[in-house]
Amino acid sequence: MRIKPINMVFFYAIMGCLFTYLAVASFKESVFEWHTMLLMLIATFDFGVSIRAYLLHKKIKSMQKK
């Protein structure tokens, strides 16, 4: 079974939201704590992968139309 890019979009977007929530929940005194920064870095990576998978999905759809 092949993994479709649109499924990856939803998966990584949900993971990005989860890591963003965990980063906000771990915020205590300062946003510059190492675990908060690590969680935000992972969330940024997940959102970036989600955007790239969406663009790949659009490209595949446009190639199938031609």
N, C-alpha and C. Protein backbone atom coordinates (compact mmCIF):
# COMPACT_ATOMS: atom_id res chain seq x y z
N MET A 1 0.84 -1.17 0.00
CA MET A 1 0.00 0.00 0.00
C MET A 1 0.89 1.25 0.00
N ARG A 2 0.61 2.15 -0.91
CA ARG A 2 1.39 3.38 -1.00
C ARG A 2 0.78 4.47 -0.12
N ILE A 3 1.65 5.26 0.44
CA ILE A 3 1.20 6.38 1.27
C ILE A 3 0.99 7.59 0.37
N LYS A 4 -0.20 8.13 0.38
CA LYS A 4 -0.52 9.29 -0.45
C LYS A 4 -0.02 10.57 0.25
N PRO A 5 0.40 11.54 -0.54
CA PRO A 5 0.89 12.80 0.08
C PRO A 5 -0.18 13.51 0.90
N ILE A 6 -1.43 13.40 0.51
CA ILE A 6 -2.49 14.10 1.25
C ILE A 6 -2.64 13.50 2.66
N ASN A 7 -2.39 12.19 2.79
CA ASN A 7 -2.42 11.57 4.12
C ASN A 7 -1.26 12.07 4.97
N MET A 8 -0.11 12.27 4.33
CA MET A 8 1.04 12.80 5.05
C MET A 8 0.77 14.23 5.51
N VAL A 9 0.03 15.00 4.71
CA VAL A 9 -0.31 16.38 5.09
C VAL A 9 -1.07 16.37 6.41
N PHE A 10 -2.09 15.54 6.49
CA PHE A 10 -2.89 15.50 7.71
C PHE A 10 -2.08 14.98 8.90
N PHE A 11 -1.28 13.93 8.67
CA PHE A 11 -0.50 13.36 9.75
C PHE A 11 0.49 14.37 10.32
N TYR A 12 1.26 15.01 9.45
CA TYR A 12 2.27 15.95 9.94
C TYR A 12 1.65 17.23 10.48
N ALA A 13 0.51 17.66 9.96
CA ALA A 13 -0.15 18.83 10.52
C ALA A 13 -0.65 18.54 11.93
N ILE A 14 -1.19 17.35 12.13
CA ILE A 14 -1.65 16.97 13.47
C ILE A 14 -0.47 16.86 14.43
N MET A 15 0.63 16.28 13.95
CA MET A 15 1.82 16.17 14.79
C MET A 15 2.38 17.56 15.12
N GLY A 16 2.35 18.48 14.16
CA GLY A 16 2.80 19.85 14.42
C GLY A 16 1.94 20.54 15.46
N CYS A 17 0.64 20.34 15.37
CA CYS A 17 -0.26 20.92 16.37
C CYS A 17 -0.02 20.31 17.74
N LEU A 18 0.23 19.01 17.78
CA LEU A 18 0.50 18.34 19.05
C LEU A 18 1.77 18.87 19.69
N PHE A 19 2.84 19.00 18.92
CA PHE A 19 4.10 19.50 19.48
C PHE A 19 3.98 20.97 19.86
N THR A 20 3.19 21.75 19.13
CA THR A 20 2.97 23.14 19.51
C THR A 20 2.22 23.21 20.84
N TYR A 21 1.22 22.36 20.99
CA TYR A 21 0.47 22.31 22.24
C TYR A 21 1.38 21.92 23.41
N LEU A 22 2.23 20.91 23.19
CA LEU A 22 3.14 20.48 24.25
C LEU A 22 4.14 21.58 24.60
N ALA A 23 4.59 22.34 23.61
CA ALA A 23 5.52 23.43 23.88
C ALA A 23 4.85 24.52 24.70
N VAL A 24 3.61 24.85 24.35
CA VAL A 24 2.88 25.87 25.11
C VAL A 24 2.59 25.37 26.52
N ALA A 25 2.27 24.10 26.66
CA ALA A 25 1.98 23.53 27.98
C ALA A 25 3.24 23.47 28.85
N SER A 26 4.40 23.31 28.22
CA SER A 26 5.64 23.23 29.01
C SER A 26 6.22 24.60 29.32
N PHE A 27 5.61 25.64 28.83
CA PHE A 27 6.07 27.01 29.08
C PHE A 27 5.81 27.36 30.54
N LYS A 28 6.89 27.68 31.28
CA LYS A 28 6.73 28.02 32.70
C LYS A 28 7.18 29.44 32.98
N GLU A 29 8.47 29.67 32.97
CA GLU A 29 8.98 31.01 33.27
C GLU A 29 9.39 31.76 32.02
N SER A 30 10.08 31.07 31.13
CA SER A 30 10.60 31.73 29.94
C SER A 30 10.41 30.81 28.74
N VAL A 31 10.21 31.42 27.60
CA VAL A 31 10.04 30.63 26.38
C VAL A 31 11.38 30.08 25.90
N PHE A 32 12.47 30.57 26.45
CA PHE A 32 13.80 30.16 26.00
C PHE A 32 14.37 29.00 26.80
N GLU A 33 13.53 28.14 27.35
CA GLU A 33 13.99 26.92 27.98
C GLU A 33 14.27 25.89 26.89
N TRP A 34 15.19 24.97 27.14
CA TRP A 34 15.65 24.06 26.09
C TRP A 34 14.55 23.12 25.61
N HIS A 35 13.71 22.62 26.52
CA HIS A 35 12.68 21.68 26.08
C HIS A 35 11.56 22.38 25.31
N THR A 36 11.27 23.62 25.65
CA THR A 36 10.28 24.38 24.90
C THR A 36 10.79 24.67 23.49
N MET A 37 12.04 25.05 23.40
CA MET A 37 12.64 25.33 22.08
C MET A 37 12.71 24.07 21.23
N LEU A 38 13.02 22.92 21.85
CA LEU A 38 13.09 21.67 21.12
C LEU A 38 11.72 21.27 20.57
N LEU A 39 10.69 21.41 21.38
CA LEU A 39 9.35 21.08 20.93
C LEU A 39 8.89 22.00 19.80
N MET A 40 9.22 23.28 19.89
CA MET A 40 8.86 24.21 18.83
C MET A 40 9.65 23.92 17.54
N LEU A 41 10.89 23.49 17.67
CA LEU A 41 11.68 23.12 16.51
C LEU A 41 11.08 21.90 15.81
N ILE A 42 10.67 20.92 16.58
CA ILE A 42 10.03 19.73 16.00
C ILE A 42 8.71 20.10 15.35
N ALA A 43 7.93 20.99 15.98
CA ALA A 43 6.65 21.43 15.40
C ALA A 43 6.89 22.17 14.08
N THR A 44 7.92 22.99 14.03
CA THR A 44 8.24 23.71 12.80
C THR A 44 8.61 22.74 11.69
N PHE A 45 9.41 21.73 12.02
CA PHE A 45 9.76 20.71 11.05
C PHE A 45 8.51 20.00 10.53
N ASP A 46 7.59 19.63 11.44
CA ASP A 46 6.38 18.93 11.03
C ASP A 46 5.50 19.80 10.12
N PHE A 47 5.35 21.07 10.45
CA PHE A 47 4.57 21.95 9.59
C PHE A 47 5.23 22.13 8.23
N GLY A 48 6.56 22.19 8.21
CA GLY A 48 7.28 22.31 6.94
C GLY A 48 7.09 21.09 6.06
N VAL A 49 7.16 19.91 6.65
CA VAL A 49 6.94 18.68 5.89
C VAL A 49 5.50 18.62 5.39
N SER A 50 4.58 19.08 6.20
CA SER A 50 3.18 19.10 5.80
C SER A 50 2.95 20.00 4.58
N ILE A 51 3.56 21.16 4.58
CA ILE A 51 3.42 22.08 3.45
C ILE A 51 4.05 21.48 2.20
N ARG A 52 5.22 20.87 2.34
CA ARG A 52 5.88 20.26 1.18
C ARG A 52 5.07 19.10 0.63
N ALA A 53 4.44 18.30 1.50
CA ALA A 53 3.61 17.19 1.04
C ALA A 53 2.37 17.71 0.32
N TYR A 54 1.81 18.82 0.79
CA TYR A 54 0.66 19.40 0.11
C TYR A 54 1.04 19.91 -1.29
N LEU A 55 2.19 20.56 -1.39
CA LEU A 55 2.65 21.02 -2.70
C LEU A 55 2.92 19.85 -3.64
N LEU A 56 3.45 18.76 -3.11
CA LEU A 56 3.66 17.56 -3.91
C LEU A 56 2.33 16.99 -4.37
N HIS A 57 1.33 17.00 -3.50
CA HIS A 57 0.00 16.52 -3.86
C HIS A 57 -0.59 17.34 -5.00
N LYS A 58 -0.45 18.67 -4.90
CA LYS A 58 -0.95 19.53 -5.97
C LYS A 58 -0.23 19.27 -7.29
N LYS A 59 1.07 19.05 -7.23
CA LYS A 59 1.86 18.79 -8.44
C LYS A 59 1.45 17.47 -9.08
N ILE A 60 1.24 16.45 -8.27
CA ILE A 60 0.81 15.16 -8.81
C ILE A 60 -0.56 15.28 -9.45
N LYS A 61 -1.47 16.00 -8.82
CA LYS A 61 -2.81 16.18 -9.38
C LYS A 61 -2.77 16.93 -10.70
N SER A 62 -1.92 17.95 -10.79
CA SER A 62 -1.84 18.72 -12.04
C SER A 62 -1.20 17.88 -13.16
N MET A 63 -0.27 17.00 -12.81
CA MET A 63 0.35 16.14 -13.81
C MET A 63 -0.63 15.07 -14.29
N GLN A 64 -1.53 14.62 -13.43
CA GLN A 64 -2.51 13.62 -13.81
C GLN A 64 -3.57 14.20 -14.74
N LYS A 65 -3.84 15.50 -14.65
CA LYS A 65 -4.83 16.15 -15.50
C LYS A 65 -4.34 16.26 -16.94
N LYS A 66 -3.01 16.38 -17.11
CA LYS A 66 -2.45 16.55 -18.46
C LYS A 66 -2.39 15.28 -19.23
